[in-house]
Amino acid sequence: MQANDVRVLKSAAIPTALVGVVAVVVALLLAGGKGALGAALGTLLVGVFFSISVVAVSYAARVSPQLMAIAAMGSYLVKVVVIMIVLSSFSDTTLWNTRAFAWAVVVCTLVWTGFEVRAFVKTKMLYVDPDAKVPGKGDS
């Protein structure tokens, strides 16, 4: 991973983890132990899924810009499909509070996305190569 990617990952993961801790405490107060477990699992799910996406896109960016776009779209599609499978598999579970789980997933996803966008905006990345030679424009 490049330094920019690590900064983006840390910039999104740390606030999400802090919000996840708050979600666990709130769920514990409102729904008891099962609520806390649901919020913790929701936070963990978001952290793992989004971290995997950042790593996949970072790796693909080293190969080519086209592969980076494919990795971003592919990881998004995989996340959607897997989350649908997880939600449908555990829709009737009584092991944890599904409402706390769902709220933690939504809130942590919003926090992660917001801080990831913020990190990308603050990252000073060149969009063009200033030393690139333009075809047909010789040095005169």
Protein backbone atom coordinates (compact mmCIF):
# COMPACT_ATOMS: atom_id res chain seq x y z
CA MET A 1 0.00 0.00 0.00
CA GLN A 2 1.13 3.50 -0.75
CA ALA A 3 1.38 6.12 1.97
CA ASN A 4 -1.70 7.95 0.64
CA ASP A 5 -3.76 4.77 0.88
CA VAL A 6 -2.65 4.12 4.44
CA ARG A 7 -3.61 7.70 5.37
CA VAL A 8 -7.04 7.27 3.80
CA LEU A 9 -7.54 3.95 5.58
CA LYS A 10 -6.55 5.38 8.97
CA SER A 11 -8.57 8.55 8.39
CA ALA A 12 -11.72 6.50 7.90
CA ALA A 13 -11.10 3.55 10.22
CA ILE A 14 -10.34 5.48 13.40
CA PRO A 15 -13.51 7.64 13.42
CA THR A 16 -15.59 4.62 12.42
CA ALA A 17 -14.18 2.59 15.31
CA LEU A 18 -14.93 5.44 17.73
CA VAL A 19 -18.50 5.73 16.44
CA GLY A 20 -18.77 1.94 16.69
CA VAL A 21 -17.82 2.08 20.37
CA VAL A 22 -20.51 4.73 20.92
CA ALA A 23 -23.00 2.55 19.03
CA VAL A 24 -22.17 -0.43 21.23
CA VAL A 25 -22.65 1.62 24.40
CA VAL A 26 -25.94 3.11 23.17
CA ALA A 27 -27.17 -0.34 22.08
CA LEU A 28 -26.15 -1.77 25.44
CA LEU A 29 -28.19 0.88 27.24
CA LEU A 30 -31.21 0.56 24.95
CA ALA A 31 -31.28 -3.15 24.15
CA GLY A 32 -28.97 -4.86 26.62
CA GLY A 33 -26.26 -7.36 25.84
CA LYS A 34 -27.84 -8.57 22.60
CA GLY A 35 -28.01 -4.98 21.38
CA ALA A 36 -24.35 -4.42 22.20
CA LEU A 37 -23.41 -7.62 20.39
CA GLY A 38 -25.44 -6.58 17.34
CA ALA A 39 -23.83 -3.13 17.25
CA ALA A 40 -20.36 -4.62 17.68
CA LEU A 41 -20.92 -7.10 14.84
CA GLY A 42 -22.29 -4.33 12.60
CA THR A 43 -19.27 -2.15 13.30
CA LEU A 44 -16.91 -5.05 12.68
CA LEU A 45 -18.64 -5.89 9.40
CA VAL A 46 -18.29 -2.34 8.11
CA GLY A 47 -14.66 -2.10 9.19
CA VAL A 48 -13.68 -5.37 7.53
CA PHE A 49 -15.61 -4.77 4.31
CA PHE A 50 -14.38 -1.24 3.75
CA SER A 51 -10.79 -2.08 4.69
CA ILE A 52 -10.75 -4.90 2.16
CA SER A 53 -12.04 -2.50 -0.49
CA VAL A 54 -9.33 0.06 0.23
CA VAL A 55 -6.63 -2.61 0.06
CA ALA A 56 -8.02 -4.08 -3.19
CA VAL A 57 -8.29 -0.71 -4.90
CA SER A 58 -4.84 0.29 -3.65
CA TYR A 59 -3.31 -2.88 -5.07
CA ALA A 60 -5.14 -2.48 -8.37
CA ALA A 61 -4.03 1.16 -8.67
CA ARG A 62 -0.42 0.00 -8.78
CA VAL A 63 -1.24 -2.18 -11.79
CA SER A 64 -3.31 0.24 -13.90
CA PRO A 65 -5.99 2.94 -13.64
CA GLN A 66 -8.44 0.76 -15.54
CA LEU A 67 -7.95 -2.11 -13.11
CA MET A 68 -8.41 0.30 -10.23
CA ALA A 69 -11.87 1.26 -11.51
CA ILE A 70 -12.77 -2.38 -12.04
CA ALA A 71 -11.55 -3.26 -8.53
CA ALA A 72 -13.59 -0.44 -7.01
CA MET A 73 -16.78 -1.48 -8.81
CA GLY A 74 -16.13 -5.18 -8.23
CA SER A 75 -15.48 -4.74 -4.52
CA TYR A 76 -18.65 -2.67 -4.23
CA LEU A 77 -20.67 -5.39 -5.97
CA VAL A 78 -19.15 -8.10 -3.77
CA LYS A 79 -19.92 -6.06 -0.62
CA VAL A 80 -23.55 -5.61 -1.66
CA VAL A 81 -24.00 -9.30 -2.46
CA VAL A 82 -22.28 -10.51 0.71
CA ILE A 83 -24.20 -8.10 2.94
CA MET A 84 -27.45 -9.28 1.36
CA ILE A 85 -26.46 -12.89 2.06
CA VAL A 86 -25.47 -12.06 5.65
CA LEU A 87 -28.68 -10.13 6.30
CA SER A 88 -30.90 -12.81 4.80
CA SER A 89 -29.04 -15.60 6.60
CA PHE A 90 -29.39 -13.96 9.99
CA SER A 91 -32.76 -12.23 9.53
CA ASP A 92 -34.46 -14.41 12.15
CA THR A 93 -31.56 -14.69 14.57
CA THR A 94 -32.08 -14.26 18.26
CA LEU A 95 -28.37 -14.27 19.07
CA TRP A 96 -28.17 -10.47 18.75
CA ASN A 97 -30.46 -7.52 18.28
CA THR A 98 -30.90 -7.14 14.53
CA ARG A 99 -32.10 -3.54 14.83
CA ALA A 100 -28.92 -2.52 16.68
CA PHE A 101 -26.90 -4.42 14.06
CA ALA A 102 -28.64 -2.61 11.21
CA TRP A 103 -28.30 0.85 12.78
CA ALA A 104 -24.62 0.26 13.50
CA VAL A 105 -24.03 -0.81 9.88
CA VAL A 106 -25.82 2.28 8.53
CA VAL A 107 -24.17 4.78 10.87
CA CYS A 108 -20.69 3.27 10.52
CA THR A 109 -21.03 3.14 6.73
CA LEU A 110 -21.95 6.83 6.64
CA VAL A 111 -19.08 7.75 8.94
CA TRP A 112 -16.56 5.66 7.00
CA THR A 113 -17.69 7.08 3.66
CA GLY A 114 -17.68 10.66 4.92
CA PHE A 115 -14.19 10.42 6.41
CA GLU A 116 -12.88 8.55 3.37
CA VAL A 117 -14.12 11.35 1.12
CA ARG A 118 -12.59 13.92 3.49
CA ALA A 119 -9.25 12.09 3.37
CA PHE A 120 -9.26 11.98 -0.43
CA VAL A 121 -10.10 15.67 -0.64
CA LYS A 122 -7.27 16.57 1.74
CA THR A 123 -4.75 14.34 -0.05
CA LYS A 124 -2.60 16.33 -2.42
CA MET A 125 -2.45 14.01 -5.42
CA LEU A 126 -1.45 15.12 -8.89
CA TYR A 127 -4.07 14.46 -11.51
CA VAL A 128 -1.61 14.98 -14.34
CA ASP A 129 2.08 14.28 -14.72
CA PRO A 130 3.79 17.68 -14.92
CA ASP A 131 6.85 16.17 -16.62
CA ALA A 132 4.91 14.29 -19.27
CA LYS A 133 5.86 14.90 -22.89
CA VAL A 134 3.01 15.76 -25.20
CA PRO A 135 3.15 13.93 -28.56
CA GLY A 136 3.76 16.32 -31.47
CA LYS A 137 5.10 19.05 -29.21
CA GLY A 138 8.85 18.97 -29.54
CA ASP A 139 11.27 20.89 -27.38
CA SER A 140 12.24 23.99 -29.36
